Amino acid sequence: MSQQGSVGRALTLNVTAERPVAQLATNALPGVVTAVHTGGEVATGGVLYEVAGTPVRALRGDVPFYRDLARGTKGQDVRQLDEALIELGYSTGAPSEDFGPRIEAAVKSWQKAMGRERTGVVAQGEVIAFTNLPSSVRLDDAIAPGLVLSGGEASVFAPVGTLDFVLSVSADQGAMIAIGTAVDVAFDGFTWPAVVAGSRASDDGSVRFILTAPGGGAVCGSDCGALPGEEKMSLLATVHVVPPVEGVTVPVAAIRSSVQGAAYVETSSGDHVDVTVLGSSGGVAVVDGLPAGVEVRIGSTPTGDRSPAPDDTTGGDTTEGDDA
């Protein structure tokens, strides 16, 4: 019986979201490295490493922390410090670029909670600015317990810039995917539409497809902040190698071809109904010209007609929607 449905072919694959990694900071504290903290991800106020017992912490900010921050200093770096103190619960009110009594008191409270001397001063090198937090982090090989630092060493590396979405597949799978193929990328309740924008063959024979949003740009669009700040993460994707077609479906075996080459189906009452095949996959075809709810015949072809029309896709198809 004909019924409403859809046909298409889709592959469920993994897409990798990748961020380029760059050096984020240079060590500014001289002395022996007494501890490292490389849990893979750091949040606001998290300790990266310690030099002679002095912790180096991560704070959010677009401007590097380039000087001692103390009462009387002014600027965006002061505001970033204040925003962090507010986030951590040591300060209240609107963030300020003026390091006054309120910020000084908040710094002392923060230092007391860390078990450090309450100087009210954040020395250069004690905090490092991350554009996004939480973020994954990697320390340079020079930052290891027992090593002596003189200052100026590369220290912290982190993901920066925009996310690249890459689909890596085998050569056989790659042969089924064309530039412009539609892809749906899913993550934690989000589903982002994407398209295949380019490809590159790898030395191992696999194919890397670059995905973008349909209009260009990152696949995640304005939702990129919902993704973890990791260098690489694996996301589930549906690759529509044969775009879905919706409409009235019938078994492919019910479609016949007249001597003039026109497609038709025969109803259970013996009527011939001319149809146009809009798409087929997995033994099911979407046709135009036939209403839903009609019983159609599947069987031998009458004299003078050619054999039933073949399925127009080949091999391993997955039918999307209702079967006929």
C-alpha atoms as a PDB file:
ATOM      1  CA  MET A   1       0.000   0.000   0.000  1.00  0.00           C
ATOM      2  CA  SER A   2       1.216   3.483  -0.787  1.00  0.00           C
ATOM      3  CA  GLN A   3       1.863   5.691   2.230  1.00  0.00           C
ATOM      4  CA  GLN A   4       3.557   8.891   3.310  1.00  0.00           C
ATOM      5  CA  GLY A   5       7.264   8.503   4.028  1.00  0.00           C
ATOM      6  CA  SER A   6      10.745   9.386   2.883  1.00  0.00           C
ATOM      7  CA  VAL A   7      13.756   7.701   1.370  1.00  0.00           C
ATOM      8  CA  GLY A   8      17.429   8.555   1.448  1.00  0.00           C
ATOM      9  CA  ARG A   9      20.787   7.203   2.436  1.00  0.00           C
ATOM     10  CA  ALA A  10      22.703   8.352   5.491  1.00  0.00           C
ATOM     11  CA  LEU A  11      25.910   7.314   7.224  1.00  0.00           C
ATOM     12  CA  THR A  12      26.418   7.754  10.961  1.00  0.00           C
ATOM     13  CA  LEU A  13      30.031   8.794  11.489  1.00  0.00           C
ATOM     14  CA  ASN A  14      32.228  10.695  13.921  1.00  0.00           C
ATOM     15  CA  VAL A  15      33.284  14.274  13.259  1.00  0.00           C
ATOM     16  CA  THR A  16      36.298  15.783  15.019  1.00  0.00           C
ATOM     17  CA  ALA A  17      36.125  19.378  16.222  1.00  0.00           C
ATOM     18  CA  GLU A  18      39.694  20.701  16.337  1.00  0.00           C
ATOM     19  CA  ARG A  19      41.194  23.917  17.677  1.00  0.00           C
ATOM     20  CA  PRO A  20      44.713  25.052  16.716  1.00  0.00           C
ATOM     21  CA  VAL A  21      47.074  25.114  19.695  1.00  0.00           C
ATOM     22  CA  ALA A  22      49.442  28.010  20.332  1.00  0.00           C
ATOM     23  CA  GLN A  23      51.781  29.250  23.027  1.00  0.00           C
ATOM     24  CA  LEU A  24      49.713  31.289  25.434  1.00  0.00           C
ATOM     25  CA  ALA A  25      52.292  32.524  27.933  1.00  0.00           C
ATOM     26  CA  THR A  26      55.956  32.819  28.868  1.00  0.00           C
ATOM     27  CA  ASN A  27      57.068  32.025  32.393  1.00  0.00           C
ATOM     28  CA  ALA A  28      57.918  35.157  34.396  1.00  0.00           C
ATOM     29  CA  LEU A  29      58.840  33.570  37.743  1.00  0.00           C
ATOM     30  CA  PRO A  30      62.470  32.554  38.468  1.00  0.00           C
ATOM     31  CA  GLY A  31      63.175  29.563  40.674  1.00  0.00           C
ATOM     32  CA  VAL A  32      62.667  25.815  40.961  1.00  0.00           C
ATOM     33  CA  VAL A  33      59.447  24.261  39.705  1.00  0.00           C
ATOM     34  CA  THR A  34      57.884  22.720  42.817  1.00  0.00           C
ATOM     35  CA  ALA A  35      54.654  21.358  41.334  1.00  0.00           C
ATOM     36  CA  VAL A  36      52.716  21.026  38.088  1.00  0.00           C
ATOM     37  CA  HIS A  37      48.971  20.682  37.667  1.00  0.00           C
ATOM     38  CA  THR A  38      48.039  19.210  34.286  1.00  0.00           C
ATOM     39  CA  GLY A  39      44.569  17.756  34.739  1.00  0.00           C
ATOM     40  CA  GLY A  40      43.827  18.371  31.080  1.00  0.00           C
ATOM     41  CA  GLU A  41      41.410  21.236  31.716  1.00  0.00           C
ATOM     42  CA  VAL A  42      41.659  24.361  33.825  1.00  0.00           C
ATOM     43  CA  ALA A  43      38.937  26.723  35.077  1.00  0.00           C
ATOM     44  CA  THR A  44      39.044  30.262  36.442  1.00  0.00           C
ATOM     45  CA  GLY A  45      41.517  30.413  39.337  1.00  0.00           C
ATOM     46  CA  GLY A  46      42.940  26.972  38.581  1.00  0.00           C
ATOM     47  CA  VAL A  47      46.636  26.356  39.274  1.00  0.00           C
ATOM     48  CA  LEU A  48      48.815  25.555  36.258  1.00  0.00           C
ATOM     49  CA  TYR A  49      52.176  25.075  37.989  1.00  0.00           C
ATOM     50  CA  GLU A  50      54.178  26.381  40.970  1.00  0.00           C
ATOM     51  CA  VAL A  51      57.611  28.010  41.099  1.00  0.00           C
ATOM     52  CA  ALA A  52      59.287  28.017  44.534  1.00  0.00           C
ATOM     53  CA  GLY A  53      55.840  27.454  46.027  1.00  0.00           C
ATOM     54  CA  THR A  54      54.208  30.368  44.200  1.00  0.00           C
ATOM     55  CA  PRO A  55      51.226  29.145  42.150  1.00  0.00           C
ATOM     56  CA  VAL A  56      50.605  30.342  38.611  1.00  0.00           C
ATOM     57  CA  ARG A  57      46.860  30.576  38.027  1.00  0.00           C
ATOM     58  CA  ALA A  58      44.530  30.842  35.046  1.00  0.00           C
ATOM     59  CA  LEU A  59      42.169  33.804  34.713  1.00  0.00           C
ATOM     60  CA  ARG A  60      39.911  34.772  31.838  1.00  0.00           C
ATOM     61  CA  GLY A  61      40.974  37.744  29.727  1.00  0.00           C
ATOM     62  CA  ASP A  62      41.834  39.005  26.256  1.00  0.00           C
ATOM     63  CA  VAL A  63      44.759  41.156  27.453  1.00  0.00           C
ATOM     64  CA  PRO A  64      47.910  39.453  28.798  1.00  0.00           C
ATOM     65  CA  PHE A  65      48.788  40.109  32.432  1.00  0.00           C
ATOM     66  CA  TYR A  66      52.045  41.984  31.845  1.00  0.00           C
ATOM     67  CA  ARG A  67      52.814  43.751  35.137  1.00  0.00           C
ATOM     68  CA  ASP A  68      52.370  43.715  38.900  1.00  0.00           C
ATOM     69  CA  LEU A  69      48.780  44.547  39.825  1.00  0.00           C
ATOM     70  CA  ALA A  70      48.536  46.602  42.986  1.00  0.00           C
ATOM     71  CA  ARG A  71      46.610  49.495  44.446  1.00  0.00           C
ATOM     72  CA  GLY A  72      46.686  52.478  42.098  1.00  0.00           C
ATOM     73  CA  THR A  73      47.112  50.560  38.813  1.00  0.00           C
ATOM     74  CA  LYS A  74      44.454  51.019  36.141  1.00  0.00           C
ATOM     75  CA  GLY A  75      43.588  49.210  32.926  1.00  0.00           C
ATOM     76  CA  GLN A  76      41.911  46.264  31.262  1.00  0.00           C
ATOM     77  CA  ASP A  77      44.178  43.795  33.079  1.00  0.00           C
ATOM     78  CA  VAL A  78      42.887  45.160  36.388  1.00  0.00           C
ATOM     79  CA  ARG A  79      39.321  44.687  35.179  1.00  0.00           C
ATOM     80  CA  GLN A  80      40.077  41.082  34.199  1.00  0.00           C
ATOM     81  CA  LEU A  81      41.458  40.413  37.678  1.00  0.00           C
ATOM     82  CA  ASP A  82      38.384  41.982  39.263  1.00  0.00           C
ATOM     83  CA  GLU A  83      36.037  39.945  37.054  1.00  0.00           C
ATOM     84  CA  ALA A  84      37.802  36.777  38.191  1.00  0.00           C
ATOM     85  CA  LEU A  85      37.599  37.787  41.862  1.00  0.00           C
ATOM     86  CA  ILE A  86      33.865  38.405  41.435  1.00  0.00           C
ATOM     87  CA  GLU A  87      33.417  35.036  39.702  1.00  0.00           C
ATOM     88  CA  LEU A  88      35.354  33.295  42.472  1.00  0.00           C
ATOM     89  CA  GLY A  89      33.271  34.988  45.168  1.00  0.00           C
ATOM     90  CA  TYR A  90      35.933  37.244  46.694  1.00  0.00           C
ATOM     91  CA  SER A  91      34.505  40.517  45.384  1.00  0.00           C
ATOM     92  CA  THR A  92      31.112  42.029  44.607  1.00  0.00           C
ATOM     93  CA  GLY A  93      29.756  44.857  42.506  1.00  0.00           C
ATOM     94  CA  ALA A  94      30.518  45.953  38.975  1.00  0.00           C
ATOM     95  CA  PRO A  95      33.990  45.118  37.577  1.00  0.00           C
ATOM     96  CA  SER A  96      36.389  48.068  37.619  1.00  0.00           C
ATOM     97  CA  GLU A  97      39.582  49.005  35.806  1.00  0.00           C
ATOM     98  CA  ASP A  98      40.755  50.971  38.859  1.00  0.00           C
ATOM     99  CA  PHE A  99      42.659  48.913  41.467  1.00  0.00           C
ATOM    100  CA  GLY A 100      41.213  50.535  44.586  1.00  0.00           C
ATOM    101  CA  PRO A 101      40.491  49.457  48.164  1.00  0.00           C
ATOM    102  CA  ARG A 102      37.726  47.035  47.151  1.00  0.00           C
ATOM    103  CA  ILE A 103      39.927  45.090  44.742  1.00  0.00           C
ATOM    104  CA  GLU A 104      42.835  45.139  47.179  1.00  0.00           C
ATOM    105  CA  ALA A 105      40.644  43.660  49.924  1.00  0.00           C
ATOM    106  CA  ALA A 106      39.384  41.008  47.498  1.00  0.00           C
ATOM    107  CA  VAL A 107      42.952  40.072  46.527  1.00  0.00           C
ATOM    108  CA  LYS A 108      43.875  39.701  50.220  1.00  0.00           C
ATOM    109  CA  SER A 109      40.851  37.463  50.791  1.00  0.00           C
ATOM    110  CA  TRP A 110      41.874  35.361  47.801  1.00  0.00           C
ATOM    111  CA  GLN A 111      45.449  35.104  49.075  1.00  0.00           C
ATOM    112  CA  LYS A 112      44.234  34.090  52.544  1.00  0.00           C
ATOM    113  CA  ALA A 113      42.079  31.331  51.042  1.00  0.00           C
ATOM    114  CA  MET A 114      45.142  30.070  49.129  1.00  0.00           C
ATOM    115  CA  GLY A 115      47.238  30.052  52.310  1.00  0.00           C
ATOM    116  CA  ARG A 116      49.540  32.768  51.018  1.00  0.00           C
ATOM    117  CA  GLU A 117      50.794  36.020  52.490  1.00  0.00           C
ATOM    118  CA  ARG A 118      48.095  38.704  52.332  1.00  0.00           C
ATOM    119  CA  THR A 119      50.020  41.350  50.386  1.00  0.00           C
ATOM    120  CA  GLY A 120      47.142  42.644  48.282  1.00  0.00           C
ATOM    121  CA  VAL A 121      49.483  42.525  45.271  1.00  0.00           C
ATOM    122  CA  VAL A 122      49.342  40.121  42.309  1.00  0.00           C
ATOM    123  CA  ALA A 123      52.881  39.948  40.960  1.00  0.00           C
ATOM    124  CA  GLN A 124      53.656  39.611  37.274  1.00  0.00           C
ATOM    125  CA  GLY A 125      53.746  35.930  36.331  1.00  0.00           C
ATOM    126  CA  GLU A 126      51.284  34.782  39.001  1.00  0.00           C
ATOM    127  CA  VAL A 127      48.284  34.903  36.661  1.00  0.00           C
ATOM    128  CA  ILE A 128      47.919  34.037  32.965  1.00  0.00           C
ATOM    129  CA  ALA A 129      45.090  35.252  30.718  1.00  0.00           C
ATOM    130  CA  PHE A 130      43.009  32.691  28.793  1.00  0.00           C
ATOM    131  CA  THR A 131      40.527  33.896  26.191  1.00  0.00           C
ATOM    132  CA  ASN A 132      38.136  31.091  27.129  1.00  0.00           C
ATOM    133  CA  LEU A 133      37.765  29.139  30.354  1.00  0.00           C
ATOM    134  CA  PRO A 134      37.416  26.285  31.099  1.00  0.00           C
ATOM    135  CA  SER A 135      40.113  25.332  28.609  1.00  0.00           C
ATOM    136  CA  SER A 136      42.397  22.400  27.962  1.00  0.00           C
ATOM    137  CA  VAL A 137      46.030  23.223  28.691  1.00  0.00           C
ATOM    138  CA  ARG A 138      49.470  21.797  27.975  1.00  0.00           C
ATOM    139  CA  LEU A 139      52.686  22.805  29.697  1.00  0.00           C
ATOM    140  CA  ASP A 140      56.042  23.086  27.988  1.00  0.00           C
ATOM    141  CA  ASP A 141      58.654  20.415  28.756  1.00  0.00           C
ATOM    142  CA  ALA A 142      60.629  23.079  30.635  1.00  0.00           C
ATOM    143  CA  ILE A 143      57.854  23.202  33.246  1.00  0.00           C
ATOM    144  CA  ALA A 144      58.592  20.052  35.228  1.00  0.00           C
ATOM    145  CA  PRO A 145      59.218  19.471  38.948  1.00  0.00           C
ATOM    146  CA  GLY A 146      62.818  20.082  39.943  1.00  0.00           C
ATOM    147  CA  LEU A 147      63.780  22.096  36.873  1.00  0.00           C
ATOM    148  CA  VAL A 148      65.206  25.576  37.441  1.00  0.00           C
ATOM    149  CA  LEU A 149      63.575  28.481  35.632  1.00  0.00           C
ATOM    150  CA  SER A 150      65.227  31.832  35.097  1.00  0.00           C
ATOM    151  CA  GLY A 151      62.223  33.502  33.462  1.00  0.00           C
ATOM    152  CA  GLY A 152      61.402  33.787  29.780  1.00  0.00           C
ATOM    153  CA  GLU A 153      60.743  30.105  29.155  1.00  0.00           C
ATOM    154  CA  ALA A 154      57.765  29.029  27.041  1.00  0.00           C
ATOM    155  CA  SER A 155      55.293  27.748  29.596  1.00  0.00           C
ATOM    156  CA  VAL A 156      51.632  27.334  28.686  1.00  0.00           C
ATOM    157  CA  PHE A 157      49.992  26.167  25.453  1.00  0.00           C
ATOM    158  CA  ALA A 158      46.242  26.150  24.858  1.00  0.00           C
ATOM    159  CA  PRO A 159      43.685  25.930  22.040  1.00  0.00           C
ATOM    160  CA  VAL A 160      43.092  29.265  20.331  1.00  0.00           C
ATOM    161  CA  GLY A 161      41.023  30.584  17.464  1.00  0.00           C
ATOM    162  CA  THR A 162      38.024  29.064  15.740  1.00  0.00           C
ATOM    163  CA  LEU A 163      36.980  25.430  15.650  1.00  0.00           C
ATOM    164  CA  ASP A 164      37.586  23.311  12.569  1.00  0.00           C
ATOM    165  CA  PHE A 165      35.168  20.430  11.976  1.00  0.00           C
ATOM    166  CA  VAL A 166      36.776  17.509  10.164  1.00  0.00           C
ATOM    167  CA  LEU A 167      35.219  14.266   8.922  1.00  0.00           C
ATOM    168  CA  SER A 168      37.866  11.548   8.429  1.00  0.00           C
ATOM    169  CA  VAL A 169      36.683   8.466   6.533  1.00  0.00           C
ATOM    170  CA  SER A 170      38.050   5.523   4.602  1.00  0.00           C
ATOM    171  CA  ALA A 171      38.612   5.779   0.869  1.00  0.00           C
ATOM    172  CA  ASP A 172      35.486   3.663   0.212  1.00  0.00           C
ATOM    173  CA  GLN A 173      33.331   5.918   2.376  1.00  0.00           C
ATOM    174  CA  GLY A 174      34.931   8.990   0.852  1.00  0.00           C
ATOM    175  CA  ALA A 175      33.859   7.855  -2.613  1.00  0.00           C
ATOM    176  CA  MET A 176      30.214   8.229  -1.500  1.00  0.00           C
ATOM    177  CA  ILE A 177      30.627  11.801  -0.187  1.00  0.00           C
ATOM    178  CA  ALA A 178      30.676  14.800  -2.504  1.00  0.00           C
ATOM    179  CA  ILE A 179      31.395  18.475  -1.975  1.00  0.00           C
ATOM    180  CA  GLY A 180      28.140  20.042  -0.806  1.00  0.00           C
ATOM    181  CA  THR A 181      26.873  16.900   0.941  1.00  0.00           C
ATOM    182  CA  ALA A 182      24.619  17.815   3.880  1.00  0.00           C
ATOM    183  CA  VAL A 183      25.715  16.751   7.362  1.00  0.00           C
ATOM    184  CA  ASP A 184      23.987  17.071  10.744  1.00  0.00           C
ATOM    185  CA  VAL A 185      26.398  17.362  13.689  1.00  0.00           C
ATOM    186  CA  ALA A 186      25.031  16.596  17.167  1.00  0.00           C
ATOM    187  CA  PHE A 187      26.302  17.564  20.614  1.00  0.00           C
ATOM    188  CA  ASP A 188      24.535  17.584  23.974  1.00  0.00           C
ATOM    189  CA  GLY A 189      21.083  18.578  22.734  1.00  0.00           C
ATOM    190  CA  PHE A 190      22.350  20.690  19.811  1.00  0.00           C
ATOM    191  CA  THR A 191      22.044  19.672  16.174  1.00  0.00           C
ATOM    192  CA  TRP A 192      24.003  21.852  13.759  1.00  0.00           C
ATOM    193  CA  PRO A 193      23.469  21.684   9.981  1.00  0.00           C
ATOM    194  CA  ALA A 194      26.687  21.575   7.990  1.00  0.00           C
ATOM    195  CA  VAL A 195      27.970  20.963   4.481  1.00  0.00           C
ATOM    196  CA  VAL A 196      31.110  19.365   3.091  1.00  0.00           C
ATOM    197  CA  ALA A 197      33.192  22.327   1.896  1.00  0.00           C
ATOM    198  CA  GLY A 198      36.448  20.648   0.876  1.00  0.00           C
ATOM    199  CA  SER A 199      38.502  17.476   1.046  1.00  0.00           C
ATOM    200  CA  ARG A 200      42.072  16.281   1.292  1.00  0.00           C
ATOM    201  CA  ALA A 201      43.562  12.805   0.911  1.00  0.00           C
ATOM    202  CA  SER A 202      45.812  11.602   3.734  1.00  0.00           C
ATOM    203  CA  ASP A 203      48.990   9.549   3.395  1.00  0.00           C
ATOM    204  CA  ASP A 204      47.268   6.517   4.953  1.00  0.00           C
ATOM    205  CA  GLY A 205      44.612   6.460   2.223  1.00  0.00           C
ATOM    206  CA  SER A 206      41.848   8.029   4.299  1.00  0.00           C
ATOM    207  CA  VAL A 207      40.044  11.193   3.254  1.00  0.00           C
ATOM    208  CA  ARG A 208      39.579  14.307   5.401  1.00  0.00           C
ATOM    209  CA  PHE A 209      36.480  16.369   4.625  1.00  0.00           C
ATOM    210  CA  ILE A 210      36.254  19.931   5.952  1.00  0.00           C
ATOM    211  CA  LEU A 211      32.789  20.921   7.202  1.00  0.00           C
ATOM    212  CA  THR A 212      31.373  24.420   7.507  1.00  0.00           C
ATOM    213  CA  ALA A 213      27.996  25.923   8.322  1.00  0.00           C
ATOM    214  CA  PRO A 214      25.760  26.104   5.219  1.00  0.00           C
ATOM    215  CA  GLY A 215      26.543  29.812   4.851  1.00  0.00           C
ATOM    216  CA  GLY A 216      30.208  29.424   5.812  1.00  0.00           C
ATOM    217  CA  GLY A 217      31.972  29.733   9.152  1.00  0.00           C
ATOM    218  CA  ALA A 218      32.164  27.353  12.092  1.00  0.00           C
ATOM    219  CA  VAL A 219      29.580  24.571  12.159  1.00  0.00           C
ATOM    220  CA  CYS A 220      28.596  25.409  15.744  1.00  0.00           C
ATOM    221  CA  GLY A 221      27.882  29.065  14.904  1.00  0.00           C
ATOM    222  CA  SER A 222      26.809  31.096  17.942  1.00  0.00           C
ATOM    223  CA  ASP A 223      26.722  27.909  20.070  1.00  0.00           C
ATOM    224  CA  CYS A 224      30.488  27.232  19.961  1.00  0.00           C
ATOM    225  CA  GLY A 225      30.780  28.327  23.587  1.00  0.00           C
ATOM    226  CA  ALA A 226      28.784  25.238  24.576  1.00  0.00           C
ATOM    227  CA  LEU A 227      31.632  22.968  23.457  1.00  0.00           C
ATOM    228  CA  PRO A 228      34.418  22.063  25.909  1.00  0.00           C
ATOM    229  CA  GLY A 229      37.670  23.981  25.529  1.00  0.00           C
ATOM    230  CA  GLU A 230      39.584  20.940  24.300  1.00  0.00           C
ATOM    231  CA  GLU A 231      42.080  20.604  21.480  1.00  0.00           C
ATOM    232  CA  LYS A 232      40.053  17.813  19.901  1.00  0.00           C
ATOM    233  CA  MET A 233      36.661  16.299  20.595  1.00  0.00           C
ATOM    234  CA  SER A 234      34.613  13.665  18.787  1.00  0.00           C
ATOM    235  CA  LEU A 235      31.007  14.449  17.828  1.00  0.00           C
ATOM    236  CA  LEU A 236      28.352  12.253  16.242  1.00  0.00           C
ATOM    237  CA  ALA A 237      27.292  13.188  12.714  1.00  0.00           C
ATOM    238  CA  THR A 238      24.729  12.052  10.157  1.00  0.00           C
ATOM    239  CA  VAL A 239      26.071  12.322   6.603  1.00  0.00           C
ATOM    240  CA  HIS A 240      23.288  12.434   4.009  1.00  0.00           C
ATOM    241  CA  VAL A 241      25.012  10.770   1.056  1.00  0.00           C
ATOM    242  CA  VAL A 242      21.622  10.524  -0.671  1.00  0.00           C
ATOM    243  CA  PRO A 243      19.462  13.495   0.374  1.00  0.00           C
ATOM    244  CA  PRO A 244      16.110  12.451   1.851  1.00  0.00           C
ATOM    245  CA  VAL A 245      13.051  12.808  -0.376  1.00  0.00           C
ATOM    246  CA  GLU A 246       9.596  12.940   1.193  1.00  0.00           C
ATOM    247  CA  GLY A 247       6.269  11.992  -0.345  1.00  0.00           C
ATOM    248  CA  VAL A 248       4.133   8.956  -1.141  1.00  0.00           C
ATOM    249  CA  THR A 249       6.161   5.741  -1.024  1.00  0.00           C
ATOM    250  CA  VAL A 250       5.667   2.377  -2.718  1.00  0.00           C
ATOM    251  CA  PRO A 251       7.895  -0.703  -3.063  1.00  0.00           C
ATOM    252  CA  VAL A 252      10.295  -0.339  -5.989  1.00  0.00           C
ATOM    253  CA  ALA A 253       9.055  -3.717  -7.224  1.00  0.00           C
ATOM    254  CA  ALA A 254       5.594  -2.194  -7.777  1.00  0.00           C
ATOM    255  CA  ILE A 255       6.875   0.338 -10.328  1.00  0.00           C
ATOM    256  CA  ARG A 256       6.603  -0.753 -13.923  1.00  0.00           C
ATOM    257  CA  SER A 257       7.634   0.798 -17.213  1.00  0.00           C
ATOM    258  CA  SER A 258       5.461   0.978 -20.318  1.00  0.00           C
ATOM    259  CA  VAL A 259       6.767   0.378 -23.835  1.00  0.00           C
ATOM    260  CA  GLN A 260       6.922   4.158 -24.186  1.00  0.00           C
ATOM    261  CA  GLY A 261       9.215   4.310 -21.130  1.00  0.00           C
ATOM    262  CA  ALA A 262       6.664   5.878 -18.779  1.00  0.00           C
ATOM    263  CA  ALA A 263       6.572   4.696 -15.174  1.00  0.00           C
ATOM    264  CA  TYR A 264       3.306   3.475 -13.681  1.00  0.00           C
ATOM    265  CA  VAL A 265       1.897   1.319 -10.914  1.00  0.00           C
ATOM    266  CA  GLU A 266      -1.032  -1.085 -11.056  1.00  0.00           C
ATOM    267  CA  THR A 267      -3.615  -0.881  -8.302  1.00  0.00           C
ATOM    268  CA  SER A 268      -5.283  -3.907  -6.728  1.00  0.00           C
ATOM    269  CA  SER A 269      -8.339  -3.168  -8.878  1.00  0.00           C
ATOM    270  CA  GLY A 270      -6.265  -3.362 -12.063  1.00  0.00           C
ATOM    271  CA  ASP A 271      -6.024   0.364 -12.824  1.00  0.00           C
ATOM    272  CA  HIS A 272      -2.777   1.781 -14.193  1.00  0.00           C
ATOM    273  CA  VAL A 273      -1.644   5.023 -12.557  1.00  0.00           C
ATOM    274  CA  ASP A 274       1.167   6.999 -14.188  1.00  0.00           C
ATOM    275  CA  VAL A 275       3.784   8.124 -11.651  1.00  0.00           C
ATOM    276  CA  THR A 276       7.056  10.026 -11.547  1.00  0.00           C
ATOM    277  CA  VAL A 277       9.809   8.516  -9.426  1.00  0.00           C
ATOM    278  CA  LEU A 278      11.323  11.252  -7.256  1.00  0.00           C
ATOM    279  CA  GLY A 279      13.838   9.043  -5.484  1.00  0.00           C
ATOM    280  CA  SER A 280      14.430   5.531  -4.247  1.00  0.00           C
ATOM    281  CA  SER A 281      16.551   3.728  -1.706  1.00  0.00           C
ATOM    282  CA  GLY A 282      16.545   0.379   0.059  1.00  0.00           C
ATOM    283  CA  GLY A 283      13.777  -1.072  -2.117  1.00  0.00           C
ATOM    284  CA  VAL A 284      11.390   1.846  -1.513  1.00  0.00           C
ATOM    285  CA  ALA A 285      10.575   4.675  -3.942  1.00  0.00           C
ATOM    286  CA  VAL A 286       8.959   8.079  -3.505  1.00  0.00           C
ATOM    287  CA  VAL A 287       6.547   8.779  -6.371  1.00  0.00           C
ATOM    288  CA  ASP A 288       4.438  11.663  -7.597  1.00  0.00           C
ATOM    289  CA  GLY A 289       0.973  11.052  -9.079  1.00  0.00           C
ATOM    290  CA  LEU A 290      -0.313   8.469  -6.612  1.00  0.00           C
ATOM    291  CA  PRO A 291      -2.241   9.292  -3.422  1.00  0.00           C
ATOM    292  CA  ALA A 292      -1.464   7.618  -0.126  1.00  0.00           C
ATOM    293  CA  GLY A 293      -3.596   4.661   0.950  1.00  0.00           C
ATOM    294  CA  VAL A 294      -3.791   2.924  -2.430  1.00  0.00           C
ATOM    295  CA  GLU A 295      -3.085  -0.816  -2.632  1.00  0.00           C
ATOM    296  CA  VAL A 296      -0.614  -1.569  -5.410  1.00  0.00           C
ATOM    297  CA  ARG A 297       0.303  -4.850  -7.036  1.00  0.00           C
ATOM    298  CA  ILE A 298       3.742  -6.401  -6.830  1.00  0.00           C
ATOM    299  CA  GLY A 299       4.236  -9.278  -9.202  1.00  0.00           C
ATOM    300  CA  SER A 300       4.744 -10.346 -12.784  1.00  0.00           C
ATOM    301  CA  THR A 301       4.812  -7.774 -15.531  1.00  0.00           C
ATOM    302  CA  PRO A 302       1.977  -7.845 -18.097  1.00  0.00           C
ATOM    303  CA  THR A 303       2.772  -8.762 -21.708  1.00  0.00           C
ATOM    304  CA  GLY A 304       4.196  -5.852 -23.688  1.00  0.00           C
ATOM    305  CA  ASP A 305       5.690  -4.142 -20.647  1.00  0.00           C
ATOM    306  CA  ARG A 306       9.293  -4.104 -19.562  1.00  0.00           C
ATOM    307  CA  SER A 307      10.485  -5.355 -16.201  1.00  0.00           C
ATOM    308  CA  PRO A 308       9.832  -3.419 -13.000  1.00  0.00           C
ATOM    309  CA  ALA A 309      11.946  -0.282 -12.645  1.00  0.00           C
ATOM    310  CA  PRO A 310      15.192  -0.863 -10.748  1.00  0.00           C
ATOM    311  CA  ASP A 311      16.198   0.864  -7.544  1.00  0.00           C
ATOM    312  CA  ASP A 312      18.181   3.984  -8.537  1.00  0.00           C
ATOM    313  CA  THR A 313      20.761   3.657  -5.799  1.00  0.00           C
ATOM    314  CA  THR A 314      23.052   0.756  -5.139  1.00  0.00           C
ATOM    315  CA  GLY A 315      24.461  -1.112  -2.199  1.00  0.00           C
ATOM    316  CA  GLY A 316      23.981  -0.859   1.574  1.00  0.00           C
ATOM    317  CA  ASP A 317      21.254   1.791   1.596  1.00  0.00           C
ATOM    318  CA  THR A 318      19.506   2.919   4.755  1.00  0.00           C
ATOM    319  CA  THR A 319      15.908   4.058   4.231  1.00  0.00           C
ATOM    320  CA  GLU A 320      14.967   7.147   6.211  1.00  0.00           C
ATOM    321  CA  GLY A 321      11.345   7.391   7.281  1.00  0.00           C
ATOM    322  CA  ASP A 322       8.491   4.926   6.809  1.00  0.00           C
ATOM    323  CA  ASP A 323       8.878   1.758   4.781  1.00  0.00           C
ATOM    324  CA  ALA A 324       6.270   1.083   2.162  1.00  0.00           C
END
